[in-house]
Amino acid sequence: MFAVGHLAIGYLLAKVFQKFLRTNINLPLIFFLSLIPDVDLLIPGLVHRGITHSIIVLTLVFIPIFLLYRKNSIPYFVAIGQHPLIGDFFTGGIQMLWPVTSNWYGYWIDVSGIANISVEWASFLLAMIILVKTNDLRLLFRSQRSNLLLTIPSGAIFVSSFTGMSIRAPTMLLIPHLVFLAIFTFSIMNFLMKKTL
């Protein structure tokens, strides 16, 4: 799955758990966590969709967070967990149970095929509707330090949309990528501009 799908699905699932658990979420942190398993693309020697996509590793990393923040941490765990378990499981497979086994699990739906692109577009449109209807878009534009976390998703969107690093996002996903990039850039700039004034 490409950045837009991970961002949209991570946000949507976090919103479901936020409502169910009656807790608040930090939107920039949700978007950041939705993409962070792909940090393996930046670390030499790591296999893409390997250790950073293991549900065992992600759970172990989150144990202290669960202990500290209890139910408030669940939307964040869901945001990071959806990346390998939904997006990448269906579009190429993951080493889901590393270090217990290095076997790959998943379905091999073509990441650039119409099925995946349709899911990413549908997720993006639903996320945009929810962002507007819940006033989360307005909250993203508030000047807060956590907006700086959006530099990571912004960079991932830029890299997957405009460079040859990793797999380039199909042209059919350019609009949703640019919309997310514009929202995140405005959010970051809003914080930086108000900080300097």
N, C-alpha and C. Protein backbone atom coordinates (compact mmCIF):
# COMPACT_ATOMS: atom_id res chain seq x y z
N MET A 1 0.85 -1.17 0.00
CA MET A 1 0.00 0.00 0.00
C MET A 1 0.90 1.23 0.00
N PHE A 2 0.39 2.28 -0.58
CA PHE A 2 1.15 3.53 -0.65
C PHE A 2 0.82 4.41 0.55
N ALA A 3 1.55 5.52 0.69
CA ALA A 3 1.40 6.39 1.86
C ALA A 3 -0.04 6.83 2.09
N VAL A 4 -0.74 7.20 1.03
CA VAL A 4 -2.10 7.72 1.19
C VAL A 4 -3.03 6.69 1.83
N GLY A 5 -2.88 5.43 1.46
CA GLY A 5 -3.72 4.38 2.05
C GLY A 5 -3.40 4.17 3.52
N HIS A 6 -2.10 4.10 3.85
CA HIS A 6 -1.71 3.92 5.25
C HIS A 6 -2.19 5.08 6.11
N LEU A 7 -2.04 6.31 5.59
CA LEU A 7 -2.47 7.49 6.35
C LEU A 7 -3.97 7.49 6.57
N ALA A 8 -4.73 7.23 5.51
CA ALA A 8 -6.19 7.27 5.60
C ALA A 8 -6.73 6.16 6.50
N ILE A 9 -6.25 4.95 6.31
CA ILE A 9 -6.76 3.83 7.11
C ILE A 9 -6.32 3.97 8.57
N GLY A 10 -5.07 4.41 8.79
CA GLY A 10 -4.62 4.64 10.16
C GLY A 10 -5.48 5.66 10.88
N TYR A 11 -5.78 6.75 10.18
CA TYR A 11 -6.64 7.80 10.76
C TYR A 11 -8.04 7.27 11.03
N LEU A 12 -8.64 6.59 10.06
CA LEU A 12 -10.01 6.11 10.21
C LEU A 12 -10.14 5.11 11.37
N LEU A 13 -9.20 4.18 11.46
CA LEU A 13 -9.27 3.20 12.56
C LEU A 13 -9.01 3.85 13.91
N ALA A 14 -8.09 4.81 13.96
CA ALA A 14 -7.85 5.52 15.21
C ALA A 14 -9.10 6.27 15.65
N LYS A 15 -9.83 6.86 14.70
CA LYS A 15 -11.07 7.56 15.03
C LYS A 15 -12.12 6.61 15.59
N VAL A 16 -12.22 5.42 15.01
CA VAL A 16 -13.18 4.42 15.51
C VAL A 16 -12.85 4.08 16.96
N PHE A 17 -11.58 3.81 17.24
CA PHE A 17 -11.19 3.44 18.60
C PHE A 17 -11.27 4.63 19.55
N GLN A 18 -11.02 5.83 19.05
CA GLN A 18 -11.17 7.03 19.87
C GLN A 18 -12.62 7.16 20.33
N LYS A 19 -13.54 6.97 19.41
CA LYS A 19 -14.96 7.10 19.75
C LYS A 19 -15.40 5.98 20.70
N PHE A 20 -14.98 4.76 20.39
CA PHE A 20 -15.36 3.60 21.20
C PHE A 20 -14.80 3.71 22.62
N LEU A 21 -13.56 4.18 22.77
CA LEU A 21 -12.91 4.26 24.07
C LEU A 21 -13.14 5.59 24.77
N ARG A 22 -13.76 6.53 24.07
CA ARG A 22 -14.01 7.87 24.61
C ARG A 22 -12.72 8.51 25.12
N THR A 23 -11.78 8.61 24.20
CA THR A 23 -10.49 9.20 24.52
C THR A 23 -10.13 10.23 23.45
N ASN A 24 -9.14 11.02 23.70
CA ASN A 24 -8.67 11.99 22.72
C ASN A 24 -7.45 11.44 22.01
N ILE A 25 -7.22 11.91 20.79
CA ILE A 25 -6.03 11.49 20.06
C ILE A 25 -5.28 12.72 19.55
N ASN A 26 -3.98 12.54 19.41
CA ASN A 26 -3.13 13.56 18.83
C ASN A 26 -3.02 13.22 17.34
N LEU A 27 -3.65 14.00 16.49
CA LEU A 27 -3.72 13.69 15.05
C LEU A 27 -2.35 13.59 14.38
N PRO A 28 -1.43 14.55 14.60
CA PRO A 28 -0.12 14.39 13.96
C PRO A 28 0.58 13.09 14.37
N LEU A 29 0.42 12.69 15.63
CA LEU A 29 1.04 11.44 16.07
C LEU A 29 0.39 10.23 15.40
N ILE A 30 -0.91 10.28 15.19
CA ILE A 30 -1.60 9.19 14.48
C ILE A 30 -1.06 9.06 13.06
N PHE A 31 -0.94 10.17 12.35
CA PHE A 31 -0.43 10.13 10.98
C PHE A 31 1.03 9.67 10.94
N PHE A 32 1.82 10.12 11.90
CA PHE A 32 3.21 9.71 12.00
C PHE A 32 3.32 8.19 12.20
N LEU A 33 2.57 7.67 13.15
CA LEU A 33 2.62 6.23 13.44
C LEU A 33 2.08 5.38 12.30
N SER A 34 1.15 5.93 11.54
CA SER A 34 0.58 5.18 10.42
C SER A 34 1.62 4.83 9.36
N LEU A 35 2.70 5.60 9.29
CA LEU A 35 3.74 5.35 8.29
C LEU A 35 5.06 4.85 8.86
N ILE A 36 5.25 4.91 10.16
CA ILE A 36 6.56 4.64 10.75
C ILE A 36 7.10 3.23 10.48
N PRO A 37 6.29 2.19 10.27
CA PRO A 37 6.91 0.90 9.94
C PRO A 37 7.78 0.94 8.68
N ASP A 38 7.55 1.89 7.80
CA ASP A 38 8.36 1.99 6.59
C ASP A 38 9.72 2.64 6.82
N VAL A 39 10.06 2.87 8.08
CA VAL A 39 11.40 3.37 8.41
C VAL A 39 12.46 2.39 7.92
N ASP A 40 12.06 1.13 7.72
CA ASP A 40 13.02 0.13 7.24
C ASP A 40 13.59 0.49 5.86
N LEU A 41 12.89 1.33 5.12
CA LEU A 41 13.40 1.78 3.82
C LEU A 41 14.63 2.68 3.96
N LEU A 42 14.79 3.27 5.14
CA LEU A 42 15.87 4.21 5.37
C LEU A 42 17.06 3.61 6.12
N ILE A 43 16.90 2.38 6.61
CA ILE A 43 17.95 1.77 7.43
C ILE A 43 18.66 0.68 6.62
N PRO A 44 19.92 0.94 6.29
CA PRO A 44 20.67 -0.06 5.50
C PRO A 44 20.71 -1.42 6.22
N GLY A 45 20.53 -2.45 5.45
CA GLY A 45 20.59 -3.81 6.00
C GLY A 45 19.25 -4.39 6.41
N LEU A 46 18.25 -3.54 6.56
CA LEU A 46 16.93 -4.05 6.92
C LEU A 46 16.15 -4.40 5.66
N VAL A 47 15.44 -5.50 5.73
CA VAL A 47 14.58 -5.93 4.63
C VAL A 47 13.26 -5.18 4.75
N HIS A 48 12.78 -4.63 3.63
CA HIS A 48 11.49 -3.93 3.66
C HIS A 48 10.38 -4.93 3.99
N ARG A 49 9.52 -4.51 4.90
CA ARG A 49 8.39 -5.31 5.40
C ARG A 49 8.84 -6.48 6.26
N GLY A 50 10.00 -6.33 6.86
CA GLY A 50 10.53 -7.34 7.76
C GLY A 50 10.28 -6.99 9.21
N ILE A 51 11.35 -6.77 9.97
CA ILE A 51 11.27 -6.55 11.42
C ILE A 51 10.34 -5.42 11.82
N THR A 52 10.34 -4.31 11.09
CA THR A 52 9.51 -3.16 11.46
C THR A 52 8.04 -3.38 11.13
N HIS A 53 7.73 -4.47 10.45
CA HIS A 53 6.35 -4.81 10.12
C HIS A 53 5.85 -6.02 10.92
N SER A 54 6.66 -6.48 11.86
CA SER A 54 6.30 -7.63 12.69
C SER A 54 5.34 -7.19 13.79
N ILE A 55 4.21 -7.85 13.87
CA ILE A 55 3.24 -7.50 14.92
C ILE A 55 3.80 -7.84 16.30
N ILE A 56 4.68 -8.81 16.36
CA ILE A 56 5.32 -9.15 17.64
C ILE A 56 6.23 -8.00 18.09
N VAL A 57 7.05 -7.50 17.19
CA VAL A 57 7.96 -6.39 17.51
C VAL A 57 7.16 -5.14 17.88
N LEU A 58 6.14 -4.83 17.09
CA LEU A 58 5.33 -3.64 17.37
C LEU A 58 4.65 -3.75 18.74
N THR A 59 4.16 -4.92 19.08
CA THR A 59 3.51 -5.13 20.37
C THR A 59 4.51 -4.97 21.51
N LEU A 60 5.69 -5.57 21.36
CA LEU A 60 6.72 -5.45 22.40
C LEU A 60 7.14 -3.99 22.61
N VAL A 61 7.28 -3.26 21.53
CA VAL A 61 7.63 -1.84 21.63
C VAL A 61 6.53 -1.06 22.35
N PHE A 62 5.29 -1.46 22.15
CA PHE A 62 4.16 -0.72 22.73
C PHE A 62 3.85 -1.12 24.17
N ILE A 63 4.42 -2.19 24.70
CA ILE A 63 4.10 -2.62 26.07
C ILE A 63 4.30 -1.51 27.09
N PRO A 64 5.44 -0.79 27.10
CA PRO A 64 5.56 0.30 28.08
C PRO A 64 4.52 1.40 27.87
N ILE A 65 4.18 1.64 26.61
CA ILE A 65 3.18 2.67 26.31
C ILE A 65 1.81 2.23 26.82
N PHE A 66 1.48 0.95 26.64
CA PHE A 66 0.22 0.41 27.18
C PHE A 66 0.19 0.56 28.70
N LEU A 67 1.31 0.25 29.35
CA LEU A 67 1.37 0.32 30.81
C LEU A 67 1.21 1.75 31.31
N LEU A 68 1.79 2.71 30.59
CA LEU A 68 1.71 4.11 31.01
C LEU A 68 0.37 4.76 30.69
N TYR A 69 -0.14 4.51 29.48
CA TYR A 69 -1.30 5.26 29.01
C TYR A 69 -2.58 4.44 28.90
N ARG A 70 -2.49 3.15 29.17
CA ARG A 70 -3.63 2.22 29.18
C ARG A 70 -4.51 2.38 27.94
N LYS A 71 -5.80 2.58 28.14
CA LYS A 71 -6.73 2.62 26.98
C LYS A 71 -6.42 3.77 26.02
N ASN A 72 -5.82 4.84 26.52
CA ASN A 72 -5.50 5.98 25.66
C ASN A 72 -4.47 5.62 24.58
N SER A 73 -3.71 4.56 24.80
CA SER A 73 -2.68 4.17 23.83
C SER A 73 -3.24 3.31 22.69
N ILE A 74 -4.42 2.77 22.86
CA ILE A 74 -4.97 1.83 21.86
C ILE A 74 -5.14 2.45 20.48
N PRO A 75 -5.70 3.67 20.33
CA PRO A 75 -5.80 4.23 18.98
C PRO A 75 -4.44 4.36 18.28
N TYR A 76 -3.39 4.62 19.05
CA TYR A 76 -2.06 4.75 18.47
C TYR A 76 -1.52 3.39 18.03
N PHE A 77 -1.77 2.37 18.84
CA PHE A 77 -1.35 1.02 18.47
C PHE A 77 -2.10 0.55 17.22
N VAL A 78 -3.37 0.88 17.14
CA VAL A 78 -4.17 0.52 15.96
C VAL A 78 -3.62 1.25 14.73
N ALA A 79 -3.24 2.52 14.88
CA ALA A 79 -2.71 3.29 13.75
C ALA A 79 -1.42 2.67 13.21
N ILE A 80 -0.54 2.25 14.11
CA ILE A 80 0.72 1.65 13.65
C ILE A 80 0.48 0.21 13.18
N GLY A 81 -0.41 -0.51 13.84
CA GLY A 81 -0.66 -1.92 13.50
C GLY A 81 -1.36 -2.11 12.18
N GLN A 82 -2.17 -1.15 11.77
CA GLN A 82 -2.88 -1.29 10.49
C GLN A 82 -1.91 -1.28 9.32
N HIS A 83 -0.78 -0.64 9.50
CA HIS A 83 0.17 -0.53 8.39
C HIS A 83 0.59 -1.91 7.88
N PRO A 84 1.13 -2.78 8.76
CA PRO A 84 1.48 -4.10 8.25
C PRO A 84 0.28 -5.03 8.11
N LEU A 85 -0.66 -4.97 9.04
CA LEU A 85 -1.73 -5.97 9.07
C LEU A 85 -2.83 -5.77 8.04
N ILE A 86 -3.00 -4.55 7.57
CA ILE A 86 -4.02 -4.30 6.54
C ILE A 86 -3.33 -3.93 5.23
N GLY A 87 -2.63 -2.83 5.22
CA GLY A 87 -2.05 -2.34 3.98
C GLY A 87 -1.05 -3.26 3.33
N ASP A 88 -0.03 -3.66 4.08
CA ASP A 88 1.05 -4.43 3.47
C ASP A 88 0.77 -5.93 3.46
N PHE A 89 -0.07 -6.40 4.33
CA PHE A 89 -0.43 -7.82 4.34
C PHE A 89 -1.10 -8.21 3.01
N PHE A 90 -1.92 -7.31 2.51
CA PHE A 90 -2.66 -7.60 1.29
C PHE A 90 -1.91 -7.23 0.01
N THR A 91 -0.89 -6.43 0.13
CA THR A 91 -0.19 -5.98 -1.10
C THR A 91 1.28 -6.38 -1.10
N GLY A 92 1.54 -7.62 -0.79
CA GLY A 92 2.91 -8.09 -0.92
C GLY A 92 3.42 -8.92 0.23
N GLY A 93 2.75 -8.91 1.34
CA GLY A 93 3.16 -9.75 2.46
C GLY A 93 4.16 -9.09 3.39
N ILE A 94 4.25 -9.66 4.59
CA ILE A 94 5.11 -9.13 5.65
C ILE A 94 5.70 -10.29 6.45
N GLN A 95 6.77 -10.00 7.17
CA GLN A 95 7.30 -10.96 8.13
C GLN A 95 6.56 -10.70 9.46
N MET A 96 5.31 -11.10 9.49
CA MET A 96 4.39 -10.77 10.57
C MET A 96 4.83 -11.30 11.94
N LEU A 97 5.46 -12.45 11.97
CA LEU A 97 5.78 -13.09 13.25
C LEU A 97 7.27 -13.11 13.57
N TRP A 98 8.04 -12.21 12.93
CA TRP A 98 9.46 -12.13 13.24
C TRP A 98 9.61 -11.70 14.68
N PRO A 99 10.43 -12.23 15.54
CA PRO A 99 11.55 -13.14 15.33
C PRO A 99 11.19 -14.62 15.51
N VAL A 100 9.93 -14.92 15.79
CA VAL A 100 9.54 -16.33 15.94
C VAL A 100 9.80 -17.10 14.65
N THR A 101 9.45 -16.49 13.55
CA THR A 101 9.71 -17.08 12.24
C THR A 101 9.98 -15.95 11.24
N SER A 102 10.80 -16.23 10.26
CA SER A 102 11.07 -15.23 9.23
C SER A 102 10.22 -15.48 7.99
N ASN A 103 9.19 -16.33 8.12
CA ASN A 103 8.27 -16.60 7.01
C ASN A 103 7.49 -15.33 6.66
N TRP A 104 7.12 -15.27 5.39
CA TRP A 104 6.32 -14.15 4.89
C TRP A 104 4.86 -14.58 4.85
N TYR A 105 3.98 -13.69 5.30
CA TYR A 105 2.54 -13.96 5.30
C TYR A 105 1.83 -12.84 4.54
N GLY A 106 0.79 -13.20 3.84
CA GLY A 106 0.00 -12.19 3.18
C GLY A 106 -0.53 -12.65 1.84
N TYR A 107 -1.29 -11.75 1.25
CA TYR A 107 -1.80 -11.94 -0.10
C TYR A 107 -0.96 -11.09 -1.02
N TRP A 108 -0.99 -11.39 -2.27
CA TRP A 108 -0.11 -10.69 -3.21
C TRP A 108 -0.92 -9.90 -4.23
N ILE A 109 -1.80 -9.04 -3.72
CA ILE A 109 -2.56 -8.15 -4.60
C ILE A 109 -1.58 -7.13 -5.17
N ASP A 110 -1.65 -6.88 -6.46
CA ASP A 110 -0.76 -5.92 -7.12
C ASP A 110 -0.93 -4.53 -6.50
N VAL A 111 0.13 -4.01 -5.90
CA VAL A 111 0.07 -2.71 -5.22
C VAL A 111 -0.28 -1.59 -6.19
N SER A 112 0.06 -1.75 -7.46
CA SER A 112 -0.26 -0.72 -8.46
C SER A 112 -1.50 -1.07 -9.27
N GLY A 113 -2.18 -2.15 -8.88
CA GLY A 113 -3.38 -2.58 -9.59
C GLY A 113 -4.61 -1.80 -9.18
N ILE A 114 -5.66 -1.97 -9.95
CA ILE A 114 -6.90 -1.21 -9.75
C ILE A 114 -7.57 -1.53 -8.41
N ALA A 115 -7.45 -2.77 -7.92
CA ALA A 115 -8.06 -3.13 -6.63
C ALA A 115 -7.45 -2.30 -5.50
N ASN A 116 -6.11 -2.26 -5.43
CA ASN A 116 -5.46 -1.50 -4.37
C ASN A 116 -5.69 -0.01 -4.53
N ILE A 117 -5.59 0.49 -5.75
CA ILE A 117 -5.80 1.93 -5.98
C ILE A 117 -7.22 2.33 -5.59
N SER A 118 -8.19 1.48 -5.87
CA SER A 118 -9.59 1.77 -5.49
C SER A 118 -9.74 1.84 -3.98
N VAL A 119 -9.11 0.89 -3.27
CA VAL A 119 -9.18 0.89 -1.80
C VAL A 119 -8.52 2.16 -1.24
N GLU A 120 -7.39 2.54 -1.82
CA GLU A 120 -6.70 3.73 -1.32
C GLU A 120 -7.52 5.00 -1.59
N TRP A 121 -8.13 5.10 -2.77
CA TRP A 121 -8.99 6.25 -3.08
C TRP A 121 -10.20 6.29 -2.15
N ALA A 122 -10.86 5.16 -1.96
CA ALA A 122 -12.04 5.11 -1.09
C ALA A 122 -11.67 5.49 0.34
N SER A 123 -10.55 4.96 0.84
CA SER A 123 -10.10 5.29 2.20
C SER A 123 -9.78 6.78 2.31
N PHE A 124 -9.11 7.31 1.30
CA PHE A 124 -8.76 8.73 1.29
C PHE A 124 -10.01 9.61 1.32
N LEU A 125 -11.00 9.30 0.46
CA LEU A 125 -12.22 10.11 0.41
C LEU A 125 -12.97 10.06 1.74
N LEU A 126 -13.07 8.86 2.31
CA LEU A 126 -13.75 8.72 3.61
C LEU A 126 -12.98 9.48 4.69
N ALA A 127 -11.66 9.39 4.68
CA ALA A 127 -10.86 10.13 5.67
C ALA A 127 -11.07 11.63 5.53
N MET A 128 -11.13 12.14 4.30
CA MET A 128 -11.34 13.57 4.10
C MET A 128 -12.71 14.00 4.62
N ILE A 129 -13.71 13.19 4.38
CA ILE A 129 -15.06 13.49 4.87
C ILE A 129 -15.05 13.54 6.40
N ILE A 130 -14.45 12.55 7.03
CA ILE A 130 -14.40 12.50 8.50
C ILE A 130 -13.55 13.65 9.04
N LEU A 131 -12.43 13.96 8.40
CA LEU A 131 -11.60 15.09 8.84
C LEU A 131 -12.40 16.39 8.87
N VAL A 132 -13.24 16.59 7.86
CA VAL A 132 -14.03 17.82 7.78
C VAL A 132 -15.20 17.77 8.77
N LYS A 133 -15.94 16.68 8.77
CA LYS A 133 -17.16 16.59 9.60
C LYS A 133 -16.86 16.63 11.10
N THR A 134 -15.71 16.11 11.50
CA THR A 134 -15.38 16.08 12.94
C THR A 134 -14.54 17.28 13.38
N ASN A 135 -14.28 18.19 12.46
CA ASN A 135 -13.44 19.36 12.72
C ASN A 135 -11.98 19.00 12.97
N ASP A 136 -11.59 17.78 12.65
CA ASP A 136 -10.19 17.39 12.81
C ASP A 136 -9.28 18.17 11.86
N LEU A 137 -9.78 18.54 10.71
CA LEU A 137 -8.98 19.32 9.78
C LEU A 137 -8.62 20.67 10.41
N ARG A 138 -9.60 21.28 11.06
CA ARG A 138 -9.36 22.54 11.76
C ARG A 138 -8.35 22.35 12.89
N LEU A 139 -8.45 21.20 13.60
CA LEU A 139 -7.50 20.92 14.68
C LEU A 139 -6.08 20.74 14.15
N LEU A 140 -5.96 20.15 12.96
CA LEU A 140 -4.63 19.99 12.36
C LEU A 140 -3.98 21.33 12.04
N PHE A 141 -4.80 22.34 11.82
CA PHE A 141 -4.28 23.65 11.45
C PHE A 141 -3.97 24.52 12.66
N ARG A 142 -4.27 24.02 13.86
CA ARG A 142 -3.90 24.75 15.06
C ARG A 142 -2.40 24.70 15.24
N SER A 143 -1.85 25.74 15.79
CA SER A 143 -0.41 25.80 16.01
C SER A 143 -0.06 24.99 17.26
N GLN A 144 0.55 23.82 17.05
CA GLN A 144 0.98 22.99 18.16
C GLN A 144 2.29 22.30 17.79
N ARG A 145 3.14 22.09 18.76
CA ARG A 145 4.46 21.51 18.52
C ARG A 145 4.36 20.15 17.84
N SER A 146 3.35 19.35 18.15
CA SER A 146 3.25 18.01 17.56
C SER A 146 3.04 18.06 16.03
N ASN A 147 2.69 19.23 15.48
CA ASN A 147 2.58 19.36 14.03
C ASN A 147 3.90 19.02 13.33
N LEU A 148 5.01 19.18 14.05
CA LEU A 148 6.31 18.87 13.47
C LEU A 148 6.45 17.38 13.15
N LEU A 149 5.68 16.54 13.82
CA LEU A 149 5.68 15.11 13.50
C LEU A 149 5.24 14.86 12.06
N LEU A 150 4.50 15.79 11.50
CA LEU A 150 4.00 15.63 10.14
C LEU A 150 5.10 15.77 9.09
N THR A 151 6.30 16.14 9.49
CA THR A 151 7.39 16.20 8.53
C THR A 151 7.73 14.80 8.00
N ILE A 152 7.56 13.78 8.82
CA ILE A 152 7.85 12.40 8.39
C ILE A 152 6.84 11.95 7.34
N PRO A 153 5.54 12.04 7.61
CA PRO A 153 4.59 11.66 6.55
C PRO A 153 4.73 12.54 5.30
N SER A 154 5.05 13.82 5.48
CA SER A 154 5.24 14.70 4.32
C SER A 154 6.40 14.22 3.47
N GLY A 155 7.49 13.86 4.13
CA GLY A 155 8.64 13.35 3.41
C GLY A 155 8.33 12.04 2.69
N ALA A 156 7.59 11.16 3.36
CA ALA A 156 7.22 9.88 2.75
C ALA A 156 6.34 10.09 1.52
N ILE A 157 5.42 11.03 1.61
CA ILE A 157 4.54 11.33 0.48
C ILE A 157 5.37 11.88 -0.67
N PHE A 158 6.27 12.80 -0.35
CA PHE A 158 7.11 13.39 -1.40
C PHE A 158 7.96 12.32 -2.09
N VAL A 159 8.59 11.48 -1.29
CA VAL A 159 9.46 10.44 -1.84
C VAL A 159 8.68 9.47 -2.71
N SER A 160 7.52 9.02 -2.22
CA SER A 160 6.76 8.02 -2.99
C SER A 160 6.07 8.63 -4.21
N SER A 161 5.87 9.93 -4.21
CA SER A 161 5.18 10.56 -5.33
C SER A 161 6.13 11.09 -6.41
N PHE A 162 7.33 11.53 -6.01
CA PHE A 162 8.16 12.27 -6.96
C PHE A 162 9.57 11.74 -7.17
N THR A 163 9.98 10.72 -6.44
CA THR A 163 11.35 10.23 -6.62
C THR A 163 11.32 8.75 -7.00
N GLY A 164 12.45 8.24 -7.34
CA GLY A 164 12.56 6.83 -7.68
C GLY A 164 12.90 5.96 -6.49
N MET A 165 13.05 6.56 -5.29
CA MET A 165 13.37 5.79 -4.10
C MET A 165 12.17 4.93 -3.72
N SER A 166 12.42 3.68 -3.45
CA SER A 166 11.37 2.71 -3.15
C SER A 166 10.49 2.56 -4.39
N ILE A 167 9.24 2.27 -4.21
CA ILE A 167 8.33 2.12 -5.34
C ILE A 167 7.55 3.42 -5.51
N ARG A 168 7.50 3.92 -6.70
CA ARG A 168 6.81 5.18 -6.96
C ARG A 168 5.30 4.96 -6.99
N ALA A 169 4.57 5.86 -6.35
CA ALA A 169 3.11 5.79 -6.34
C ALA A 169 2.57 6.02 -7.75
N PRO A 170 1.52 5.29 -8.12
CA PRO A 170 0.95 5.48 -9.46
C PRO A 170 0.37 6.88 -9.63
N THR A 171 0.36 7.35 -10.84
CA THR A 171 -0.18 8.67 -11.16
C THR A 171 -1.62 8.81 -10.68
N MET A 172 -2.37 7.71 -10.69
CA MET A 172 -3.76 7.76 -10.25
C MET A 172 -3.91 8.10 -8.77
N LEU A 173 -2.82 8.00 -8.00
CA LEU A 173 -2.87 8.35 -6.58
C LEU A 173 -2.19 9.69 -6.28
N LEU A 174 -1.80 10.40 -7.32
CA LEU A 174 -1.10 11.66 -7.13
C LEU A 174 -1.97 12.70 -6.41
N ILE A 175 -3.23 12.83 -6.79
CA ILE A 175 -4.11 13.83 -6.17
C ILE A 175 -4.26 13.59 -4.67
N PRO A 176 -4.61 12.37 -4.22
CA PRO A 176 -4.72 12.19 -2.77
C PRO A 176 -3.39 12.42 -2.04
N HIS A 177 -2.29 12.01 -2.65
CA HIS A 177 -1.00 12.27 -2.03
C HIS A 177 -0.75 13.77 -1.89
N LEU A 178 -1.06 14.53 -2.94
CA LEU A 178 -0.85 15.98 -2.89
C LEU A 178 -1.77 16.66 -1.88
N VAL A 179 -2.98 16.16 -1.73
CA VAL A 179 -3.90 16.74 -0.74
C VAL A 179 -3.34 16.54 0.67
N PHE A 180 -2.92 15.31 0.98
CA PHE A 180 -2.31 15.07 2.30
C PHE A 180 -1.06 15.93 2.47
N LEU A 181 -0.23 16.00 1.43
CA LEU A 181 0.99 16.80 1.51
C LEU A 181 0.67 18.28 1.77
N ALA A 182 -0.35 18.81 1.12
CA ALA A 182 -0.74 20.21 1.33
C ALA A 182 -1.24 20.43 2.75
N ILE A 183 -2.07 19.53 3.25
CA ILE A 183 -2.59 19.66 4.62
C ILE A 183 -1.46 19.63 5.63
N PHE A 184 -0.56 18.66 5.48
CA PHE A 184 0.55 18.52 6.42
C PHE A 184 1.51 19.70 6.34
N THR A 185 1.80 20.15 5.13
CA THR A 185 2.71 21.29 4.96
C THR A 185 2.12 22.55 5.59
N PHE A 186 0.82 22.79 5.36
CA PHE A 186 0.17 23.95 5.95
C PHE A 186 0.21 23.85 7.48
N SER A 187 -0.03 22.67 8.00
CA SER A 187 -0.02 22.47 9.45
C SER A 187 1.36 22.76 10.03
N ILE A 188 2.39 22.25 9.40
CA ILE A 188 3.76 22.48 9.85
C ILE A 188 4.11 23.97 9.76
N MET A 189 3.81 24.57 8.61
CA MET A 189 4.13 25.99 8.40
C MET A 189 3.37 26.88 9.37
N ASN A 190 2.15 26.53 9.67
CA ASN A 190 1.35 27.30 10.62
C ASN A 190 2.03 27.32 11.99
N PHE A 191 2.54 26.18 12.42
CA PHE A 191 3.25 26.14 13.70
C PHE A 191 4.53 26.96 13.63
N LEU A 192 5.30 26.77 12.58
CA LEU A 192 6.58 27.47 12.46
C LEU A 192 6.41 28.97 12.35
N MET A 193 5.40 29.42 11.61
CA MET A 193 5.17 30.86 11.44
C MET A 193 4.72 31.49 12.75
N LYS A 194 3.83 30.83 13.48
CA LYS A 194 3.35 31.42 14.74
C LYS A 194 4.44 31.40 15.79
N LYS A 195 5.35 30.42 15.71
CA LYS A 195 6.45 30.34 16.68
C LYS A 195 7.43 31.50 16.47
N THR A 196 7.61 31.91 15.22
CA THR A 196 8.57 32.99 14.94
C THR A 196 7.97 34.37 15.18
N LEU A 197 6.67 34.48 15.26
CA LEU A 197 6.04 35.80 15.46
C LEU A 197 6.03 36.20 16.92
